[in-house]
Amino acid sequence: MNEAETRAELIDPALKEAGWGVMEASRVRREVITLGRLQGGGIRARQDIADYVLIYRGQKLAVIEADAVQR
């Protein structure tokens, strides 16, 4: 199972069942969590984007990263 399948088949349903993105004031977003490592000369490496950021009433509570699952 690749990362996209892990998100679609395991993580998304679990978050929905727990009420994330369904309950009022809860949100699930993807967002940049770091601008990227400085490499010198004002150049940065690629940005890191979190697979999930759980937000409740405007407060970021958790970051979830998905990986491929070996079966």
PDB file of N, CA and C in Angstrom:
ATOM      1  N   MET A   1       0.855  -1.167   0.000  1.00  0.00           N
ATOM      2  CA  MET A   1       0.000   0.000   0.000  1.00  0.00           C
ATOM      3  C   MET A   1       0.909   1.240   0.000  1.00  0.00           C
ATOM      4  N   ASN A   2       0.748   2.106  -0.994  1.00  0.00           N
ATOM      5  CA  ASN A   2       1.582   3.312  -1.057  1.00  0.00           C
ATOM      6  C   ASN A   2       1.017   4.397  -0.126  1.00  0.00           C
ATOM      7  N   GLU A   3       1.707   5.537  -0.066  1.00  0.00           N
ATOM      8  CA  GLU A   3       1.313   6.608   0.854  1.00  0.00           C
ATOM      9  C   GLU A   3      -0.099   7.134   0.579  1.00  0.00           C
ATOM     10  N   ALA A   4      -0.443   7.334  -0.686  1.00  0.00           N
ATOM     11  CA  ALA A   4      -1.777   7.839  -1.030  1.00  0.00           C
ATOM     12  C   ALA A   4      -2.862   6.851  -0.608  1.00  0.00           C
ATOM     13  N   GLU A   5      -2.619   5.563  -0.817  1.00  0.00           N
ATOM     14  CA  GLU A   5      -3.586   4.539  -0.403  1.00  0.00           C
ATOM     15  C   GLU A   5      -3.701   4.483   1.119  1.00  0.00           C
ATOM     16  N   THR A   6      -2.576   4.652   1.820  1.00  0.00           N
ATOM     17  CA  THR A   6      -2.593   4.675   3.284  1.00  0.00           C
ATOM     18  C   THR A   6      -3.491   5.800   3.778  1.00  0.00           C
ATOM     19  N   ARG A   7      -3.336   6.982   3.165  1.00  0.00           N
ATOM     20  CA  ARG A   7      -4.177   8.119   3.569  1.00  0.00           C
ATOM     21  C   ARG A   7      -5.650   7.827   3.286  1.00  0.00           C
ATOM     22  N   ALA A   8      -5.939   7.377   2.054  1.00  0.00           N
ATOM     23  CA  ALA A   8      -7.332   7.178   1.628  1.00  0.00           C
ATOM     24  C   ALA A   8      -8.024   6.033   2.359  1.00  0.00           C
ATOM     25  N   GLU A   9      -7.315   4.941   2.601  1.00  0.00           N
ATOM     26  CA  GLU A   9      -7.960   3.749   3.153  1.00  0.00           C
ATOM     27  C   GLU A   9      -7.870   3.630   4.671  1.00  0.00           C
ATOM     28  N   LEU A  10      -6.859   4.237   5.280  1.00  0.00           N
ATOM     29  CA  LEU A  10      -6.676   4.084   6.720  1.00  0.00           C
ATOM     30  C   LEU A  10      -6.847   5.383   7.510  1.00  0.00           C
ATOM     31  N   ILE A  11      -6.113   6.415   7.117  1.00  0.00           N
ATOM     32  CA  ILE A  11      -6.080   7.633   7.928  1.00  0.00           C
ATOM     33  C   ILE A  11      -7.344   8.470   7.752  1.00  0.00           C
ATOM     34  N   ASP A  12      -7.747   8.740   6.510  1.00  0.00           N
ATOM     35  CA  ASP A  12      -8.944   9.563   6.282  1.00  0.00           C
ATOM     36  C   ASP A  12     -10.181   9.002   6.991  1.00  0.00           C
ATOM     37  N   PRO A  13     -10.487   7.706   6.855  1.00  0.00           N
ATOM     38  CA  PRO A  13     -11.669   7.176   7.549  1.00  0.00           C
ATOM     39  C   PRO A  13     -11.536   7.265   9.081  1.00  0.00           C
ATOM     40  N   ALA A  14     -10.331   7.035   9.611  1.00  0.00           N
ATOM     41  CA  ALA A  14     -10.140   7.108  11.066  1.00  0.00           C
ATOM     42  C   ALA A  14     -10.349   8.529  11.573  1.00  0.00           C
ATOM     43  N   LEU A  15      -9.851   9.523  10.838  1.00  0.00           N
ATOM     44  CA  LEU A  15     -10.047  10.912  11.246  1.00  0.00           C
ATOM     45  C   LEU A  15     -11.521  11.295  11.197  1.00  0.00           C
ATOM     46  N   LYS A  16     -12.202  10.865  10.139  1.00  0.00           N
ATOM     47  CA  LYS A  16     -13.633  11.180  10.014  1.00  0.00           C
ATOM     48  C   LYS A  16     -14.427  10.510  11.137  1.00  0.00           C
ATOM     49  N   GLU A  17     -14.120   9.255  11.437  1.00  0.00           N
ATOM     50  CA  GLU A  17     -14.810   8.538  12.511  1.00  0.00           C
ATOM     51  C   GLU A  17     -14.584   9.216  13.868  1.00  0.00           C
ATOM     52  N   ALA A  18     -13.404   9.799  14.051  1.00  0.00           N
ATOM     53  CA  ALA A  18     -13.093  10.500  15.298  1.00  0.00           C
ATOM     54  C   ALA A  18     -13.696  11.910  15.333  1.00  0.00           C
ATOM     55  N   GLY A  19     -14.285  12.347  14.206  1.00  0.00           N
ATOM     56  CA  GLY A  19     -14.962  13.639  14.170  1.00  0.00           C
ATOM     57  C   GLY A  19     -14.151  14.776  13.581  1.00  0.00           C
ATOM     58  N   TRP A  20     -12.913  14.515  13.164  1.00  0.00           N
ATOM     59  CA  TRP A  20     -12.084  15.584  12.597  1.00  0.00           C
ATOM     60  C   TRP A  20     -12.625  16.006  11.240  1.00  0.00           C
ATOM     61  N   GLY A  21     -12.822  17.314  11.085  1.00  0.00           N
ATOM     62  CA  GLY A  21     -13.360  17.868   9.857  1.00  0.00           C
ATOM     63  C   GLY A  21     -14.876  17.752   9.775  1.00  0.00           C
ATOM     64  N   VAL A  22     -15.481  17.072  10.764  1.00  0.00           N
ATOM     65  CA  VAL A  22     -16.922  16.896  10.809  1.00  0.00           C
ATOM     66  C   VAL A  22     -17.502  17.750  11.934  1.00  0.00           C
ATOM     67  N   MET A  23     -16.869  17.670  13.113  1.00  0.00           N
ATOM     68  CA  MET A  23     -17.321  18.470  14.264  1.00  0.00           C
ATOM     69  C   MET A  23     -17.120  19.952  13.973  1.00  0.00           C
ATOM     70  N   GLU A  24     -17.982  20.756  14.517  1.00  0.00           N
ATOM     71  CA  GLU A  24     -17.843  22.198  14.382  1.00  0.00           C
ATOM     72  C   GLU A  24     -16.516  22.643  14.990  1.00  0.00           C
ATOM     73  N   ALA A  25     -15.842  23.549  14.321  1.00  0.00           N
ATOM     74  CA  ALA A  25     -14.574  24.148  14.755  1.00  0.00           C
ATOM     75  C   ALA A  25     -13.384  23.215  14.594  1.00  0.00           C
ATOM     76  N   SER A  26     -13.564  22.034  13.988  1.00  0.00           N
ATOM     77  CA  SER A  26     -12.411  21.160  13.735  1.00  0.00           C
ATOM     78  C   SER A  26     -12.082  21.192  12.248  1.00  0.00           C
ATOM     79  N   ARG A  27     -10.782  21.190  11.959  1.00  0.00           N
ATOM     80  CA  ARG A  27     -10.334  21.212  10.561  1.00  0.00           C
ATOM     81  C   ARG A  27      -9.160  20.266  10.385  1.00  0.00           C
ATOM     82  N   VAL A  28      -9.053  19.719   9.195  1.00  0.00           N
ATOM     83  CA  VAL A  28      -7.906  18.899   8.812  1.00  0.00           C
ATOM     84  C   VAL A  28      -7.337  19.549   7.567  1.00  0.00           C
ATOM     85  N   ARG A  29      -6.049  19.935   7.624  1.00  0.00           N
ATOM     86  CA  ARG A  29      -5.441  20.637   6.490  1.00  0.00           C
ATOM     87  C   ARG A  29      -4.090  20.051   6.152  1.00  0.00           C
ATOM     88  N   ARG A  30      -3.638  20.324   4.957  1.00  0.00           N
ATOM     89  CA  ARG A  30      -2.244  20.105   4.557  1.00  0.00           C
ATOM     90  C   ARG A  30      -1.608  21.470   4.571  1.00  0.00           C
ATOM     91  N   GLU A  31      -0.405  21.588   5.104  1.00  0.00           N
ATOM     92  CA  GLU A  31       0.244  22.887   5.077  1.00  0.00           C
ATOM     93  C   GLU A  31       1.744  22.759   5.230  1.00  0.00           C
ATOM     94  N   VAL A  32       2.422  23.818   4.826  1.00  0.00           N
ATOM     95  CA  VAL A  32       3.882  23.884   4.929  1.00  0.00           C
ATOM     96  C   VAL A  32       4.243  23.948   6.409  1.00  0.00           C
ATOM     97  N   ILE A  33       5.145  23.056   6.849  1.00  0.00           N
ATOM     98  CA  ILE A  33       5.554  23.076   8.248  1.00  0.00           C
ATOM     99  C   ILE A  33       6.978  23.594   8.419  1.00  0.00           C
ATOM    100  N   THR A  34       7.725  23.702   7.327  1.00  0.00           N
ATOM    101  CA  THR A  34       9.059  24.291   7.385  1.00  0.00           C
ATOM    102  C   THR A  34       9.401  24.854   6.007  1.00  0.00           C
ATOM    103  N   LEU A  35      10.144  25.915   6.000  1.00  0.00           N
ATOM    104  CA  LEU A  35      10.501  26.555   4.731  1.00  0.00           C
ATOM    105  C   LEU A  35      11.595  25.806   3.987  1.00  0.00           C
ATOM    106  N   GLY A  36      12.245  24.863   4.618  1.00  0.00           N
ATOM    107  CA  GLY A  36      13.323  24.115   3.978  1.00  0.00           C
ATOM    108  C   GLY A  36      14.661  24.499   4.572  1.00  0.00           C
ATOM    109  N   ARG A  37      15.555  23.542   4.583  1.00  0.00           N
ATOM    110  CA  ARG A  37      16.883  23.725   5.163  1.00  0.00           C
ATOM    111  C   ARG A  37      17.669  24.759   4.373  1.00  0.00           C
ATOM    112  N   LEU A  38      18.391  25.647   5.072  1.00  0.00           N
ATOM    113  CA  LEU A  38      19.266  26.612   4.404  1.00  0.00           C
ATOM    114  C   LEU A  38      20.462  25.873   3.833  1.00  0.00           C
ATOM    115  N   GLN A  39      20.770  26.136   2.568  1.00  0.00           N
ATOM    116  CA  GLN A  39      21.880  25.467   1.917  1.00  0.00           C
ATOM    117  C   GLN A  39      23.046  26.402   1.687  1.00  0.00           C
ATOM    118  N   GLY A  40      22.874  27.675   2.000  1.00  0.00           N
ATOM    119  CA  GLY A  40      23.937  28.652   1.789  1.00  0.00           C
ATOM    120  C   GLY A  40      23.622  29.541   0.616  1.00  0.00           C
ATOM    121  N   GLY A  41      24.169  30.741   0.639  1.00  0.00           N
ATOM    122  CA  GLY A  41      23.936  31.672  -0.452  1.00  0.00           C
ATOM    123  C   GLY A  41      22.482  32.087  -0.585  1.00  0.00           C
ATOM    124  N   GLY A  42      21.717  32.007   0.523  1.00  0.00           N
ATOM    125  CA  GLY A  42      20.307  32.397   0.483  1.00  0.00           C
ATOM    126  C   GLY A  42      19.403  31.380  -0.194  1.00  0.00           C
ATOM    127  N   ILE A  43      19.909  30.192  -0.428  1.00  0.00           N
ATOM    128  CA  ILE A  43      19.139  29.141  -1.102  1.00  0.00           C
ATOM    129  C   ILE A  43      18.632  28.148  -0.057  1.00  0.00           C
ATOM    130  N   ARG A  44      17.403  27.733  -0.211  1.00  0.00           N
ATOM    131  CA  ARG A  44      16.796  26.753   0.687  1.00  0.00           C
ATOM    132  C   ARG A  44      16.485  25.458  -0.059  1.00  0.00           C
ATOM    133  N   ALA A  45      16.478  24.373   0.686  1.00  0.00           N
ATOM    134  CA  ALA A  45      16.032  23.090   0.144  1.00  0.00           C
ATOM    135  C   ALA A  45      14.510  23.137   0.003  1.00  0.00           C
ATOM    136  N   ARG A  46      13.949  22.075  -0.494  1.00  0.00           N
ATOM    137  CA  ARG A  46      12.503  21.997  -0.701  1.00  0.00           C
ATOM    138  C   ARG A  46      11.741  22.125   0.617  1.00  0.00           C
ATOM    139  N   GLN A  47      10.568  22.730   0.566  1.00  0.00           N
ATOM    140  CA  GLN A  47       9.704  22.869   1.735  1.00  0.00           C
ATOM    141  C   GLN A  47       9.181  21.500   2.165  1.00  0.00           C
ATOM    142  N   ASP A  48       8.906  21.358   3.456  1.00  0.00           N
ATOM    143  CA  ASP A  48       8.238  20.161   3.952  1.00  0.00           C
ATOM    144  C   ASP A  48       6.771  20.485   4.152  1.00  0.00           C
ATOM    145  N   ILE A  49       5.912  19.618   3.640  1.00  0.00           N
ATOM    146  CA  ILE A  49       4.470  19.801   3.770  1.00  0.00           C
ATOM    147  C   ILE A  49       3.928  18.636   4.578  1.00  0.00           C
ATOM    148  N   ALA A  50       3.182  18.953   5.635  1.00  0.00           N
ATOM    149  CA  ALA A  50       2.581  17.915   6.476  1.00  0.00           C
ATOM    150  C   ALA A  50       1.414  17.278   5.732  1.00  0.00           C
ATOM    151  N   ASP A  51       1.266  15.961   5.897  1.00  0.00           N
ATOM    152  CA  ASP A  51       0.127  15.273   5.292  1.00  0.00           C
ATOM    153  C   ASP A  51      -1.177  15.731   5.936  1.00  0.00           C
ATOM    154  N   TYR A  52      -1.168  15.892   7.252  1.00  0.00           N
ATOM    155  CA  TYR A  52      -2.348  16.344   7.982  1.00  0.00           C
ATOM    156  C   TYR A  52      -1.923  17.271   9.117  1.00  0.00           C
ATOM    157  N   VAL A  53      -2.628  18.356   9.293  1.00  0.00           N
ATOM    158  CA  VAL A  53      -2.506  19.201  10.483  1.00  0.00           C
ATOM    159  C   VAL A  53      -3.914  19.281  11.069  1.00  0.00           C
ATOM    160  N   LEU A  54      -4.045  18.849  12.318  1.00  0.00           N
ATOM    161  CA  LEU A  54      -5.353  18.864  12.976  1.00  0.00           C
ATOM    162  C   LEU A  54      -5.500  20.169  13.737  1.00  0.00           C
ATOM    163  N   ILE A  55      -6.569  20.900  13.433  1.00  0.00           N
ATOM    164  CA  ILE A  55      -6.793  22.226  14.008  1.00  0.00           C
ATOM    165  C   ILE A  55      -8.157  22.229  14.692  1.00  0.00           C
ATOM    166  N   TYR A  56      -8.190  22.714  15.923  1.00  0.00           N
ATOM    167  CA  TYR A  56      -9.453  22.831  16.649  1.00  0.00           C
ATOM    168  C   TYR A  56      -9.552  24.226  17.233  1.00  0.00           C
ATOM    169  N   ARG A  57     -10.631  24.918  16.864  1.00  0.00           N
ATOM    170  CA  ARG A  57     -10.862  26.295  17.294  1.00  0.00           C
ATOM    171  C   ARG A  57      -9.650  27.187  17.036  1.00  0.00           C
ATOM    172  N   GLY A  58      -9.057  27.026  15.852  1.00  0.00           N
ATOM    173  CA  GLY A  58      -7.945  27.859  15.427  1.00  0.00           C
ATOM    174  C   GLY A  58      -6.598  27.464  16.010  1.00  0.00           C
ATOM    175  N   GLN A  59      -6.568  26.466  16.872  1.00  0.00           N
ATOM    176  CA  GLN A  59      -5.316  26.026  17.501  1.00  0.00           C
ATOM    177  C   GLN A  59      -4.818  24.749  16.823  1.00  0.00           C
ATOM    178  N   LYS A  60      -3.589  24.764  16.344  1.00  0.00           N
ATOM    179  CA  LYS A  60      -2.999  23.568  15.738  1.00  0.00           C
ATOM    180  C   LYS A  60      -2.620  22.608  16.854  1.00  0.00           C
ATOM    181  N   LEU A  61      -3.167  21.400  16.775  1.00  0.00           N
ATOM    182  CA  LEU A  61      -2.970  20.426  17.842  1.00  0.00           C
ATOM    183  C   LEU A  61      -2.030  19.294  17.484  1.00  0.00           C
ATOM    184  N   ALA A  62      -2.005  18.883  16.231  1.00  0.00           N
ATOM    185  CA  ALA A  62      -1.200  17.711  15.868  1.00  0.00           C
ATOM    186  C   ALA A  62      -0.837  17.738  14.394  1.00  0.00           C
ATOM    187  N   VAL A  63       0.277  17.091  14.086  1.00  0.00           N
ATOM    188  CA  VAL A  63       0.718  16.883  12.711  1.00  0.00           C
ATOM    189  C   VAL A  63       0.801  15.372  12.506  1.00  0.00           C
ATOM    190  N   ILE A  64       0.229  14.886  11.405  1.00  0.00           N
ATOM    191  CA  ILE A  64       0.256  13.463  11.088  1.00  0.00           C
ATOM    192  C   ILE A  64       0.946  13.279   9.749  1.00  0.00           C
ATOM    193  N   GLU A  65       1.910  12.377   9.714  1.00  0.00           N
ATOM    194  CA  GLU A  65       2.606  12.035   8.477  1.00  0.00           C
ATOM    195  C   GLU A  65       2.221  10.626   8.064  1.00  0.00           C
ATOM    196  N   ALA A  66       1.879  10.449   6.826  1.00  0.00           N
ATOM    197  CA  ALA A  66       1.511   9.128   6.292  1.00  0.00           C
ATOM    198  C   ALA A  66       2.725   8.513   5.588  1.00  0.00           C
ATOM    199  N   ASP A  67       2.847   7.206   5.695  1.00  0.00           N
ATOM    200  CA  ASP A  67       3.889   6.462   4.988  1.00  0.00           C
ATOM    201  C   ASP A  67       3.257   5.258   4.320  1.00  0.00           C
ATOM    202  N   ALA A  68       4.003   4.657   3.414  1.00  0.00           N
ATOM    203  CA  ALA A  68       3.538   3.430   2.798  1.00  0.00           C
ATOM    204  C   ALA A  68       3.474   2.335   3.866  1.00  0.00           C
ATOM    205  N   VAL A  69       2.524   1.424   3.728  1.00  0.00           N
ATOM    206  CA  VAL A  69       2.361   0.329   4.678  1.00  0.00           C
ATOM    207  C   VAL A  69       2.757  -0.965   3.976  1.00  0.00           C
ATOM    208  N   GLN A  70       3.636  -1.727   4.610  1.00  0.00           N
ATOM    209  CA  GLN A  70       4.037  -3.021   4.058  1.00  0.00           C
ATOM    210  C   GLN A  70       3.090  -4.088   4.608  1.00  0.00           C
ATOM    211  N   ARG A  71       2.550  -4.904   3.732  1.00  0.00           N
ATOM    212  CA  ARG A  71       1.641  -5.977   4.169  1.00  0.00           C
ATOM    213  C   ARG A  71       2.269  -7.312   3.951  1.00  0.00           C
TER     214      ARG A  71
END
